[in-house]
Amino acid sequence: MQYVSMAAVGLVVGILARFFYPGKVEMGLIMSAVLGVAGAFLAGFIGNLLSKQSGGPLRPAGFVYSILGAMLVIFLARRFGLA
């Protein structure tokens, strides 16, 4: 059940990241969910690198940071020609 909720939150984060990203981003719903989950993991990883607390290799990121991480994933995907 955890994976279903992670995919649902990833879908919302991915759609919001596509909305806030400047320019048109052409993706379907499944790719938006993958983008949101990847953005959340990226934001959690960066937050863990910057934080002095010991929370393990992956900590959950905040909702706003997840959106920013997803926007970073969109930028990197467009930069390297993946999207």
N, C-alpha and C. Protein backbone atom coordinates (compact mmCIF):
# COMPACT_ATOMS: atom_id res chain seq x y z
N MET A 1 0.82 -1.19 0.00
CA MET A 1 0.00 0.00 0.00
C MET A 1 0.87 1.26 0.00
N GLN A 2 2.08 1.14 0.54
CA GLN A 2 2.98 2.28 0.59
C GLN A 2 3.36 2.74 -0.82
N TYR A 3 3.53 1.80 -1.74
CA TYR A 3 3.91 2.15 -3.10
C TYR A 3 2.79 2.87 -3.83
N VAL A 4 1.55 2.52 -3.52
CA VAL A 4 0.41 3.18 -4.14
C VAL A 4 0.33 4.63 -3.68
N SER A 5 0.51 4.85 -2.39
CA SER A 5 0.47 6.23 -1.89
C SER A 5 1.68 7.03 -2.40
N MET A 6 2.83 6.39 -2.52
CA MET A 6 4.01 7.07 -3.06
C MET A 6 3.77 7.47 -4.52
N ALA A 7 3.13 6.61 -5.29
CA ALA A 7 2.82 6.93 -6.69
C ALA A 7 1.79 8.05 -6.77
N ALA A 8 0.81 8.05 -5.88
CA ALA A 8 -0.21 9.11 -5.89
C ALA A 8 0.40 10.46 -5.55
N VAL A 9 1.22 10.50 -4.51
CA VAL A 9 1.88 11.75 -4.14
C VAL A 9 2.84 12.17 -5.24
N GLY A 10 3.55 11.20 -5.84
CA GLY A 10 4.45 11.50 -6.95
C GLY A 10 3.71 12.09 -8.13
N LEU A 11 2.50 11.61 -8.39
CA LEU A 11 1.69 12.15 -9.49
C LEU A 11 1.34 13.61 -9.22
N VAL A 12 0.93 13.91 -8.01
CA VAL A 12 0.58 15.29 -7.66
C VAL A 12 1.81 16.19 -7.74
N VAL A 13 2.93 15.71 -7.20
CA VAL A 13 4.17 16.50 -7.25
C VAL A 13 4.62 16.70 -8.69
N GLY A 14 4.55 15.66 -9.51
CA GLY A 14 4.95 15.77 -10.90
C GLY A 14 4.09 16.74 -11.69
N ILE A 15 2.79 16.70 -11.46
CA ILE A 15 1.89 17.63 -12.16
C ILE A 15 2.16 19.06 -11.73
N LEU A 16 2.37 19.28 -10.43
CA LEU A 16 2.67 20.63 -9.96
C LEU A 16 4.02 21.12 -10.49
N ALA A 17 5.00 20.24 -10.57
CA ALA A 17 6.31 20.63 -11.10
C ALA A 17 6.19 21.00 -12.57
N ARG A 18 5.40 20.24 -13.33
CA ARG A 18 5.18 20.58 -14.74
C ARG A 18 4.48 21.92 -14.87
N PHE A 19 3.55 22.21 -13.95
CA PHE A 19 2.81 23.47 -13.99
C PHE A 19 3.73 24.66 -13.70
N PHE A 20 4.62 24.52 -12.71
CA PHE A 20 5.49 25.62 -12.30
C PHE A 20 6.73 25.77 -13.18
N TYR A 21 7.08 24.74 -13.92
CA TYR A 21 8.28 24.81 -14.76
C TYR A 21 8.00 25.74 -15.94
N PRO A 22 8.92 26.68 -16.21
CA PRO A 22 8.67 27.60 -17.34
C PRO A 22 8.75 26.87 -18.67
N GLY A 23 7.83 27.16 -19.54
CA GLY A 23 7.78 26.51 -20.84
C GLY A 23 6.87 25.31 -20.80
N LYS A 24 6.63 24.76 -21.97
CA LYS A 24 5.73 23.61 -22.09
C LYS A 24 6.50 22.32 -21.86
N VAL A 25 5.93 21.45 -21.03
CA VAL A 25 6.54 20.16 -20.74
C VAL A 25 5.55 19.09 -21.20
N GLU A 26 5.93 18.32 -22.21
CA GLU A 26 5.06 17.30 -22.78
C GLU A 26 5.35 15.95 -22.11
N MET A 27 4.42 15.51 -21.26
CA MET A 27 4.54 14.21 -20.58
C MET A 27 3.15 13.68 -20.27
N GLY A 28 3.06 12.38 -20.18
CA GLY A 28 1.82 11.75 -19.77
C GLY A 28 1.73 11.65 -18.26
N LEU A 29 0.64 11.04 -17.78
CA LEU A 29 0.43 10.92 -16.34
C LEU A 29 1.44 9.99 -15.68
N ILE A 30 1.75 8.88 -16.33
CA ILE A 30 2.70 7.93 -15.74
C ILE A 30 4.08 8.57 -15.62
N MET A 31 4.49 9.27 -16.65
CA MET A 31 5.80 9.94 -16.61
C MET A 31 5.80 11.05 -15.56
N SER A 32 4.66 11.71 -15.37
CA SER A 32 4.56 12.74 -14.33
C SER A 32 4.72 12.13 -12.94
N ALA A 33 4.12 10.95 -12.72
CA ALA A 33 4.26 10.27 -11.43
C ALA A 33 5.71 9.85 -11.20
N VAL A 34 6.35 9.31 -12.23
CA VAL A 34 7.76 8.92 -12.12
C VAL A 34 8.62 10.15 -11.84
N LEU A 35 8.31 11.24 -12.51
CA LEU A 35 9.03 12.49 -12.31
C LEU A 35 8.88 12.98 -10.87
N GLY A 36 7.68 12.92 -10.33
CA GLY A 36 7.43 13.36 -8.96
C GLY A 36 8.15 12.51 -7.94
N VAL A 37 8.12 11.21 -8.12
CA VAL A 37 8.82 10.31 -7.19
C VAL A 37 10.33 10.53 -7.29
N ALA A 38 10.85 10.67 -8.51
CA ALA A 38 12.28 10.93 -8.68
C ALA A 38 12.68 12.27 -8.07
N GLY A 39 11.83 13.26 -8.22
CA GLY A 39 12.10 14.56 -7.62
C GLY A 39 12.11 14.51 -6.10
N ALA A 40 11.19 13.73 -5.52
CA ALA A 40 11.16 13.59 -4.07
C ALA A 40 12.42 12.89 -3.57
N PHE A 41 12.85 11.84 -4.27
CA PHE A 41 14.08 11.16 -3.87
C PHE A 41 15.29 12.07 -4.02
N LEU A 42 15.34 12.83 -5.10
CA LEU A 42 16.46 13.74 -5.32
C LEU A 42 16.49 14.82 -4.24
N ALA A 43 15.34 15.39 -3.92
CA ALA A 43 15.28 16.42 -2.87
C ALA A 43 15.66 15.84 -1.51
N GLY A 44 15.22 14.63 -1.21
CA GLY A 44 15.60 13.98 0.04
C GLY A 44 17.09 13.70 0.11
N PHE A 45 17.66 13.29 -1.01
CA PHE A 45 19.10 13.01 -1.06
C PHE A 45 19.91 14.29 -0.86
N ILE A 46 19.53 15.36 -1.56
CA ILE A 46 20.23 16.63 -1.41
C ILE A 46 20.06 17.17 0.01
N GLY A 47 18.87 17.05 0.56
CA GLY A 47 18.64 17.49 1.94
C GLY A 47 19.48 16.71 2.92
N ASN A 48 19.67 15.42 2.67
CA ASN A 48 20.49 14.60 3.54
C ASN A 48 21.96 15.00 3.44
N LEU A 49 22.41 15.39 2.25
CA LEU A 49 23.79 15.84 2.09
C LEU A 49 24.04 17.16 2.81
N LEU A 50 23.06 18.04 2.82
CA LEU A 50 23.21 19.35 3.43
C LEU A 50 22.95 19.37 4.93
N SER A 51 22.27 18.36 5.44
CA SER A 51 21.89 18.33 6.84
C SER A 51 22.95 17.64 7.68
N LYS A 52 23.09 18.08 8.91
CA LYS A 52 24.05 17.46 9.83
C LYS A 52 23.41 16.32 10.63
N GLN A 53 22.11 16.15 10.52
CA GLN A 53 21.42 15.10 11.27
C GLN A 53 21.67 13.76 10.62
N SER A 54 21.69 12.72 11.44
CA SER A 54 21.83 11.37 10.88
C SER A 54 20.44 10.79 10.71
N GLY A 55 20.03 10.65 9.47
CA GLY A 55 18.70 10.14 9.20
C GLY A 55 18.71 9.00 8.20
N GLY A 56 19.85 8.47 7.89
CA GLY A 56 19.93 7.41 6.91
C GLY A 56 20.19 7.96 5.53
N PRO A 57 20.33 7.09 4.54
CA PRO A 57 20.66 7.55 3.19
C PRO A 57 19.53 8.29 2.50
N LEU A 58 18.28 7.96 2.80
CA LEU A 58 17.15 8.63 2.15
C LEU A 58 16.13 9.03 3.22
N ARG A 59 15.92 10.32 3.35
CA ARG A 59 14.87 10.82 4.24
C ARG A 59 13.78 11.42 3.39
N PRO A 60 12.56 11.39 3.86
CA PRO A 60 11.49 12.00 3.07
C PRO A 60 11.69 13.50 2.98
N ALA A 61 11.49 14.03 1.81
CA ALA A 61 11.61 15.48 1.61
C ALA A 61 10.26 16.12 1.83
N GLY A 62 10.26 17.41 2.09
CA GLY A 62 9.02 18.15 2.21
C GLY A 62 8.34 18.26 0.85
N PHE A 63 7.07 18.62 0.88
CA PHE A 63 6.29 18.69 -0.35
C PHE A 63 6.86 19.74 -1.30
N VAL A 64 7.21 20.91 -0.78
CA VAL A 64 7.76 21.97 -1.63
C VAL A 64 9.11 21.56 -2.20
N TYR A 65 9.94 20.95 -1.36
CA TYR A 65 11.25 20.51 -1.84
C TYR A 65 11.11 19.38 -2.86
N SER A 66 10.09 18.58 -2.72
CA SER A 66 9.84 17.54 -3.73
C SER A 66 9.49 18.15 -5.07
N ILE A 67 8.70 19.22 -5.05
CA ILE A 67 8.36 19.90 -6.30
C ILE A 67 9.60 20.52 -6.92
N LEU A 68 10.44 21.16 -6.09
CA LEU A 68 11.68 21.73 -6.60
C LEU A 68 12.61 20.65 -7.15
N GLY A 69 12.66 19.51 -6.48
CA GLY A 69 13.47 18.39 -6.98
C GLY A 69 12.94 17.88 -8.31
N ALA A 70 11.62 17.81 -8.45
CA ALA A 70 11.03 17.37 -9.71
C ALA A 70 11.31 18.37 -10.83
N MET A 71 11.31 19.66 -10.49
CA MET A 71 11.65 20.67 -11.49
C MET A 71 13.11 20.54 -11.91
N LEU A 72 13.97 20.18 -10.98
CA LEU A 72 15.37 19.93 -11.31
C LEU A 72 15.50 18.71 -12.22
N VAL A 73 14.69 17.69 -11.97
CA VAL A 73 14.70 16.49 -12.84
C VAL A 73 14.23 16.86 -14.24
N ILE A 74 13.21 17.71 -14.35
CA ILE A 74 12.75 18.16 -15.67
C ILE A 74 13.87 18.90 -16.39
N PHE A 75 14.54 19.81 -15.67
CA PHE A 75 15.64 20.56 -16.27
C PHE A 75 16.74 19.62 -16.77
N LEU A 76 17.13 18.66 -15.94
CA LEU A 76 18.20 17.73 -16.35
C LEU A 76 17.76 16.86 -17.51
N ALA A 77 16.52 16.42 -17.53
CA ALA A 77 16.02 15.60 -18.62
C ALA A 77 16.00 16.38 -19.93
N ARG A 78 15.60 17.65 -19.87
CA ARG A 78 15.59 18.47 -21.08
C ARG A 78 17.01 18.81 -21.52
N ARG A 79 17.89 19.01 -20.56
CA ARG A 79 19.28 19.38 -20.87
C ARG A 79 20.00 18.24 -21.60
N PHE A 80 19.72 17.00 -21.18
CA PHE A 80 20.39 15.85 -21.78
C PHE A 80 19.55 15.17 -22.86
N GLY A 81 18.44 15.80 -23.27
CA GLY A 81 17.64 15.31 -24.37
C GLY A 81 16.79 14.10 -24.07
N LEU A 82 16.44 13.88 -22.80
CA LEU A 82 15.62 12.73 -22.44
C LEU A 82 14.14 13.04 -22.46
N ALA A 83 13.79 14.32 -22.45
CA ALA A 83 12.37 14.69 -22.46
C ALA A 83 12.11 15.75 -23.49
